[in-house]
């Protein structure tokens, strides 16, 4: 299983990477949505993407919209992992094509539960 971690915080990427590697995932990382699209193309796709909302260059919402416009990534699960907690933001992300939504801060168990809901764990 391959996971794409998209967050402008290198600390959060490291935290999530360690959790995912412990579950047997190969990880790909990017600091913004634009870089994530490039990494996704280089890697030939991923099974799941964990995406922050607030990032420079291209935010997470725009990344979700861009990925969902690419048929080759239709099977990739997308989980927003963000501090954005307003219900309208959650609805907006889900309508754009995100499959799950995880609020920061979160625990290893929270992440594992969401990945299990997606069927990738």
C-alpha atoms as a PDB file:
ATOM      1  CA  UNK A   1       0.000   0.000   0.000  1.00  0.00           C
ATOM      2  CA  UNK A   2       1.194   3.455  -0.896  1.00  0.00           C
ATOM      3  CA  UNK A   3       0.203   6.642   0.987  1.00  0.00           C
ATOM      4  CA  UNK A   4       0.691  10.260  -0.069  1.00  0.00           C
ATOM      5  CA  UNK A   5       1.148  12.694   2.839  1.00  0.00           C
ATOM      6  CA  UNK A   6       0.497  16.327   1.907  1.00  0.00           C
ATOM      7  CA  UNK A   7       1.156  18.945   4.579  1.00  0.00           C
ATOM      8  CA  UNK A   8       3.312  22.062   4.793  1.00  0.00           C
ATOM      9  CA  UNK A   9       4.452  21.032   8.286  1.00  0.00           C
ATOM     10  CA  UNK A  10       7.480  18.753   8.051  1.00  0.00           C
ATOM     11  CA  UNK A  11       6.881  17.739  11.680  1.00  0.00           C
ATOM     12  CA  UNK A  12       3.363  16.542  10.937  1.00  0.00           C
ATOM     13  CA  UNK A  13       4.548  14.714   7.803  1.00  0.00           C
ATOM     14  CA  UNK A  14       7.174  12.918   9.913  1.00  0.00           C
ATOM     15  CA  UNK A  15       4.582  12.008  12.578  1.00  0.00           C
ATOM     16  CA  UNK A  16       2.148  10.613   9.992  1.00  0.00           C
ATOM     17  CA  UNK A  17       4.944   8.885   8.045  1.00  0.00           C
ATOM     18  CA  UNK A  18       6.073   7.017  11.175  1.00  0.00           C
ATOM     19  CA  UNK A  19       2.510   5.907  11.903  1.00  0.00           C
ATOM     20  CA  UNK A  20       1.921   4.734   8.334  1.00  0.00           C
ATOM     21  CA  UNK A  21       5.265   2.955   7.991  1.00  0.00           C
ATOM     22  CA  UNK A  22       4.428   1.087  11.185  1.00  0.00           C
ATOM     23  CA  UNK A  23       1.331  -0.190   9.385  1.00  0.00           C
ATOM     24  CA  UNK A  24       3.361  -1.301   6.359  1.00  0.00           C
ATOM     25  CA  UNK A  25       2.690   1.663   4.057  1.00  0.00           C
ATOM     26  CA  UNK A  26       5.191   3.018   1.570  1.00  0.00           C
ATOM     27  CA  UNK A  27       4.982   6.817   1.850  1.00  0.00           C
ATOM     28  CA  UNK A  28       5.344   9.738  -0.527  1.00  0.00           C
ATOM     29  CA  UNK A  29       5.474  13.291   0.845  1.00  0.00           C
ATOM     30  CA  UNK A  30       4.739  16.779  -0.423  1.00  0.00           C
ATOM     31  CA  UNK A  31       4.615  20.224   1.197  1.00  0.00           C
ATOM     32  CA  UNK A  32       1.719  21.563  -0.901  1.00  0.00           C
ATOM     33  CA  UNK A  33      -0.900  20.463  -3.401  1.00  0.00           C
ATOM     34  CA  UNK A  34       1.136  21.349  -6.484  1.00  0.00           C
ATOM     35  CA  UNK A  35       4.114  19.314  -5.307  1.00  0.00           C
ATOM     36  CA  UNK A  36       1.722  16.505  -4.351  1.00  0.00           C
ATOM     37  CA  UNK A  37       0.371  16.313  -7.912  1.00  0.00           C
ATOM     38  CA  UNK A  38       3.959  16.044  -9.188  1.00  0.00           C
ATOM     39  CA  UNK A  39       4.876  13.344  -6.635  1.00  0.00           C
ATOM     40  CA  UNK A  40       1.692  11.425  -7.430  1.00  0.00           C
ATOM     41  CA  UNK A  41       2.542  11.407 -11.138  1.00  0.00           C
ATOM     42  CA  UNK A  42       6.145  10.337 -10.445  1.00  0.00           C
ATOM     43  CA  UNK A  43       4.989   7.494  -8.166  1.00  0.00           C
ATOM     44  CA  UNK A  44       2.300   6.277 -10.526  1.00  0.00           C
ATOM     45  CA  UNK A  45      -0.431   6.908  -7.968  1.00  0.00           C
ATOM     46  CA  UNK A  46      -1.217   5.980  -4.373  1.00  0.00           C
ATOM     47  CA  UNK A  47      -3.865   4.036  -2.498  1.00  0.00           C
ATOM     48  CA  UNK A  48      -4.628   6.850  -0.070  1.00  0.00           C
ATOM     49  CA  UNK A  49      -3.762  10.536   0.307  1.00  0.00           C
ATOM     50  CA  UNK A  50      -3.772  12.369   3.646  1.00  0.00           C
ATOM     51  CA  UNK A  51      -4.142  16.044   2.823  1.00  0.00           C
ATOM     52  CA  UNK A  52      -3.980  19.225   4.896  1.00  0.00           C
ATOM     53  CA  UNK A  53      -6.358  22.040   3.887  1.00  0.00           C
ATOM     54  CA  UNK A  54      -4.245  25.125   4.599  1.00  0.00           C
ATOM     55  CA  UNK A  55      -1.020  25.114   2.583  1.00  0.00           C
ATOM     56  CA  UNK A  56       0.823  27.610   0.385  1.00  0.00           C
ATOM     57  CA  UNK A  57       0.976  27.358  -3.431  1.00  0.00           C
ATOM     58  CA  UNK A  58      -2.014  24.953  -3.744  1.00  0.00           C
ATOM     59  CA  UNK A  59      -4.273  24.230  -0.784  1.00  0.00           C
ATOM     60  CA  UNK A  60      -5.787  20.855   0.041  1.00  0.00           C
ATOM     61  CA  UNK A  61      -9.229  21.645  -1.321  1.00  0.00           C
ATOM     62  CA  UNK A  62      -7.786  22.626  -4.700  1.00  0.00           C
ATOM     63  CA  UNK A  63      -5.655  19.470  -4.648  1.00  0.00           C
ATOM     64  CA  UNK A  64      -8.747  17.311  -4.077  1.00  0.00           C
ATOM     65  CA  UNK A  65     -10.532  19.018  -6.978  1.00  0.00           C
ATOM     66  CA  UNK A  66      -7.492  18.574  -9.242  1.00  0.00           C
ATOM     67  CA  UNK A  67      -7.034  14.884  -8.368  1.00  0.00           C
ATOM     68  CA  UNK A  68     -10.710  14.085  -8.810  1.00  0.00           C
ATOM     69  CA  UNK A  69     -10.491  15.560 -12.339  1.00  0.00           C
ATOM     70  CA  UNK A  70      -7.858  12.922 -13.200  1.00  0.00           C
ATOM     71  CA  UNK A  71      -9.515   9.565 -14.008  1.00  0.00           C
ATOM     72  CA  UNK A  72      -6.321   7.616 -13.276  1.00  0.00           C
ATOM     73  CA  UNK A  73      -6.743   8.468  -9.574  1.00  0.00           C
ATOM     74  CA  UNK A  74     -10.443   7.579  -9.243  1.00  0.00           C
ATOM     75  CA  UNK A  75      -9.620   4.659  -6.947  1.00  0.00           C
ATOM     76  CA  UNK A  76      -7.416   6.677  -4.567  1.00  0.00           C
ATOM     77  CA  UNK A  77      -8.963   7.430  -1.193  1.00  0.00           C
ATOM     78  CA  UNK A  78      -8.514  10.986   0.053  1.00  0.00           C
ATOM     79  CA  UNK A  79      -8.614  11.946   3.708  1.00  0.00           C
ATOM     80  CA  UNK A  80      -8.503  15.591   4.704  1.00  0.00           C
ATOM     81  CA  UNK A  81      -6.345  15.925   7.840  1.00  0.00           C
ATOM     82  CA  UNK A  82      -6.804  19.490   9.010  1.00  0.00           C
ATOM     83  CA  UNK A  83      -7.658  22.016  11.703  1.00  0.00           C
ATOM     84  CA  UNK A  84     -10.613  23.219   9.618  1.00  0.00           C
ATOM     85  CA  UNK A  85     -13.551  22.097  11.752  1.00  0.00           C
ATOM     86  CA  UNK A  86     -16.498  24.102  10.407  1.00  0.00           C
ATOM     87  CA  UNK A  87     -19.249  21.864   9.051  1.00  0.00           C
ATOM     88  CA  UNK A  88     -19.369  23.794   5.778  1.00  0.00           C
ATOM     89  CA  UNK A  89     -15.656  23.050   5.217  1.00  0.00           C
ATOM     90  CA  UNK A  90     -16.235  19.349   5.923  1.00  0.00           C
ATOM     91  CA  UNK A  91     -19.168  19.309   3.489  1.00  0.00           C
ATOM     92  CA  UNK A  92     -17.159  21.235   0.868  1.00  0.00           C
ATOM     93  CA  UNK A  93     -14.280  18.740   1.051  1.00  0.00           C
ATOM     94  CA  UNK A  94     -16.582  15.724   0.850  1.00  0.00           C
ATOM     95  CA  UNK A  95     -18.503  17.207  -2.084  1.00  0.00           C
ATOM     96  CA  UNK A  96     -15.189  17.832  -3.887  1.00  0.00           C
ATOM     97  CA  UNK A  97     -14.303  14.155  -3.555  1.00  0.00           C
ATOM     98  CA  UNK A  98     -12.638  13.605  -0.172  1.00  0.00           C
ATOM     99  CA  UNK A  99     -13.645  10.272   1.362  1.00  0.00           C
ATOM    100  CA  UNK A 100     -12.900  11.022   5.021  1.00  0.00           C
ATOM    101  CA  UNK A 101     -12.111  13.957   7.276  1.00  0.00           C
ATOM    102  CA  UNK A 102      -9.815  13.881  10.338  1.00  0.00           C
ATOM    103  CA  UNK A 103      -9.469  16.871  12.658  1.00  0.00           C
ATOM    104  CA  UNK A 104      -6.089  17.926  14.022  1.00  0.00           C
ATOM    105  CA  UNK A 105      -4.841  17.220  16.619  1.00  0.00           C
ATOM    106  CA  UNK A 106      -5.356  13.470  16.359  1.00  0.00           C
ATOM    107  CA  UNK A 107      -3.910  10.294  17.834  1.00  0.00           C
ATOM    108  CA  UNK A 108      -2.431   7.234  16.172  1.00  0.00           C
ATOM    109  CA  UNK A 109      -5.674   5.410  17.022  1.00  0.00           C
ATOM    110  CA  UNK A 110      -7.774   8.156  15.376  1.00  0.00           C
ATOM    111  CA  UNK A 111      -5.761   7.824  12.164  1.00  0.00           C
ATOM    112  CA  UNK A 112      -5.903   4.031  12.239  1.00  0.00           C
ATOM    113  CA  UNK A 113      -9.689   4.111  12.750  1.00  0.00           C
ATOM    114  CA  UNK A 114     -10.163   6.379   9.731  1.00  0.00           C
ATOM    115  CA  UNK A 115      -7.865   4.232   7.580  1.00  0.00           C
ATOM    116  CA  UNK A 116      -9.825   1.159   8.658  1.00  0.00           C
ATOM    117  CA  UNK A 117     -13.090   2.896   7.673  1.00  0.00           C
ATOM    118  CA  UNK A 118     -11.591   3.441   4.219  1.00  0.00           C
ATOM    119  CA  UNK A 119     -10.629  -0.227   4.055  1.00  0.00           C
ATOM    120  CA  UNK A 120      -6.908   0.410   3.578  1.00  0.00           C
ATOM    121  CA  UNK A 121      -5.849  -0.893   6.974  1.00  0.00           C
END
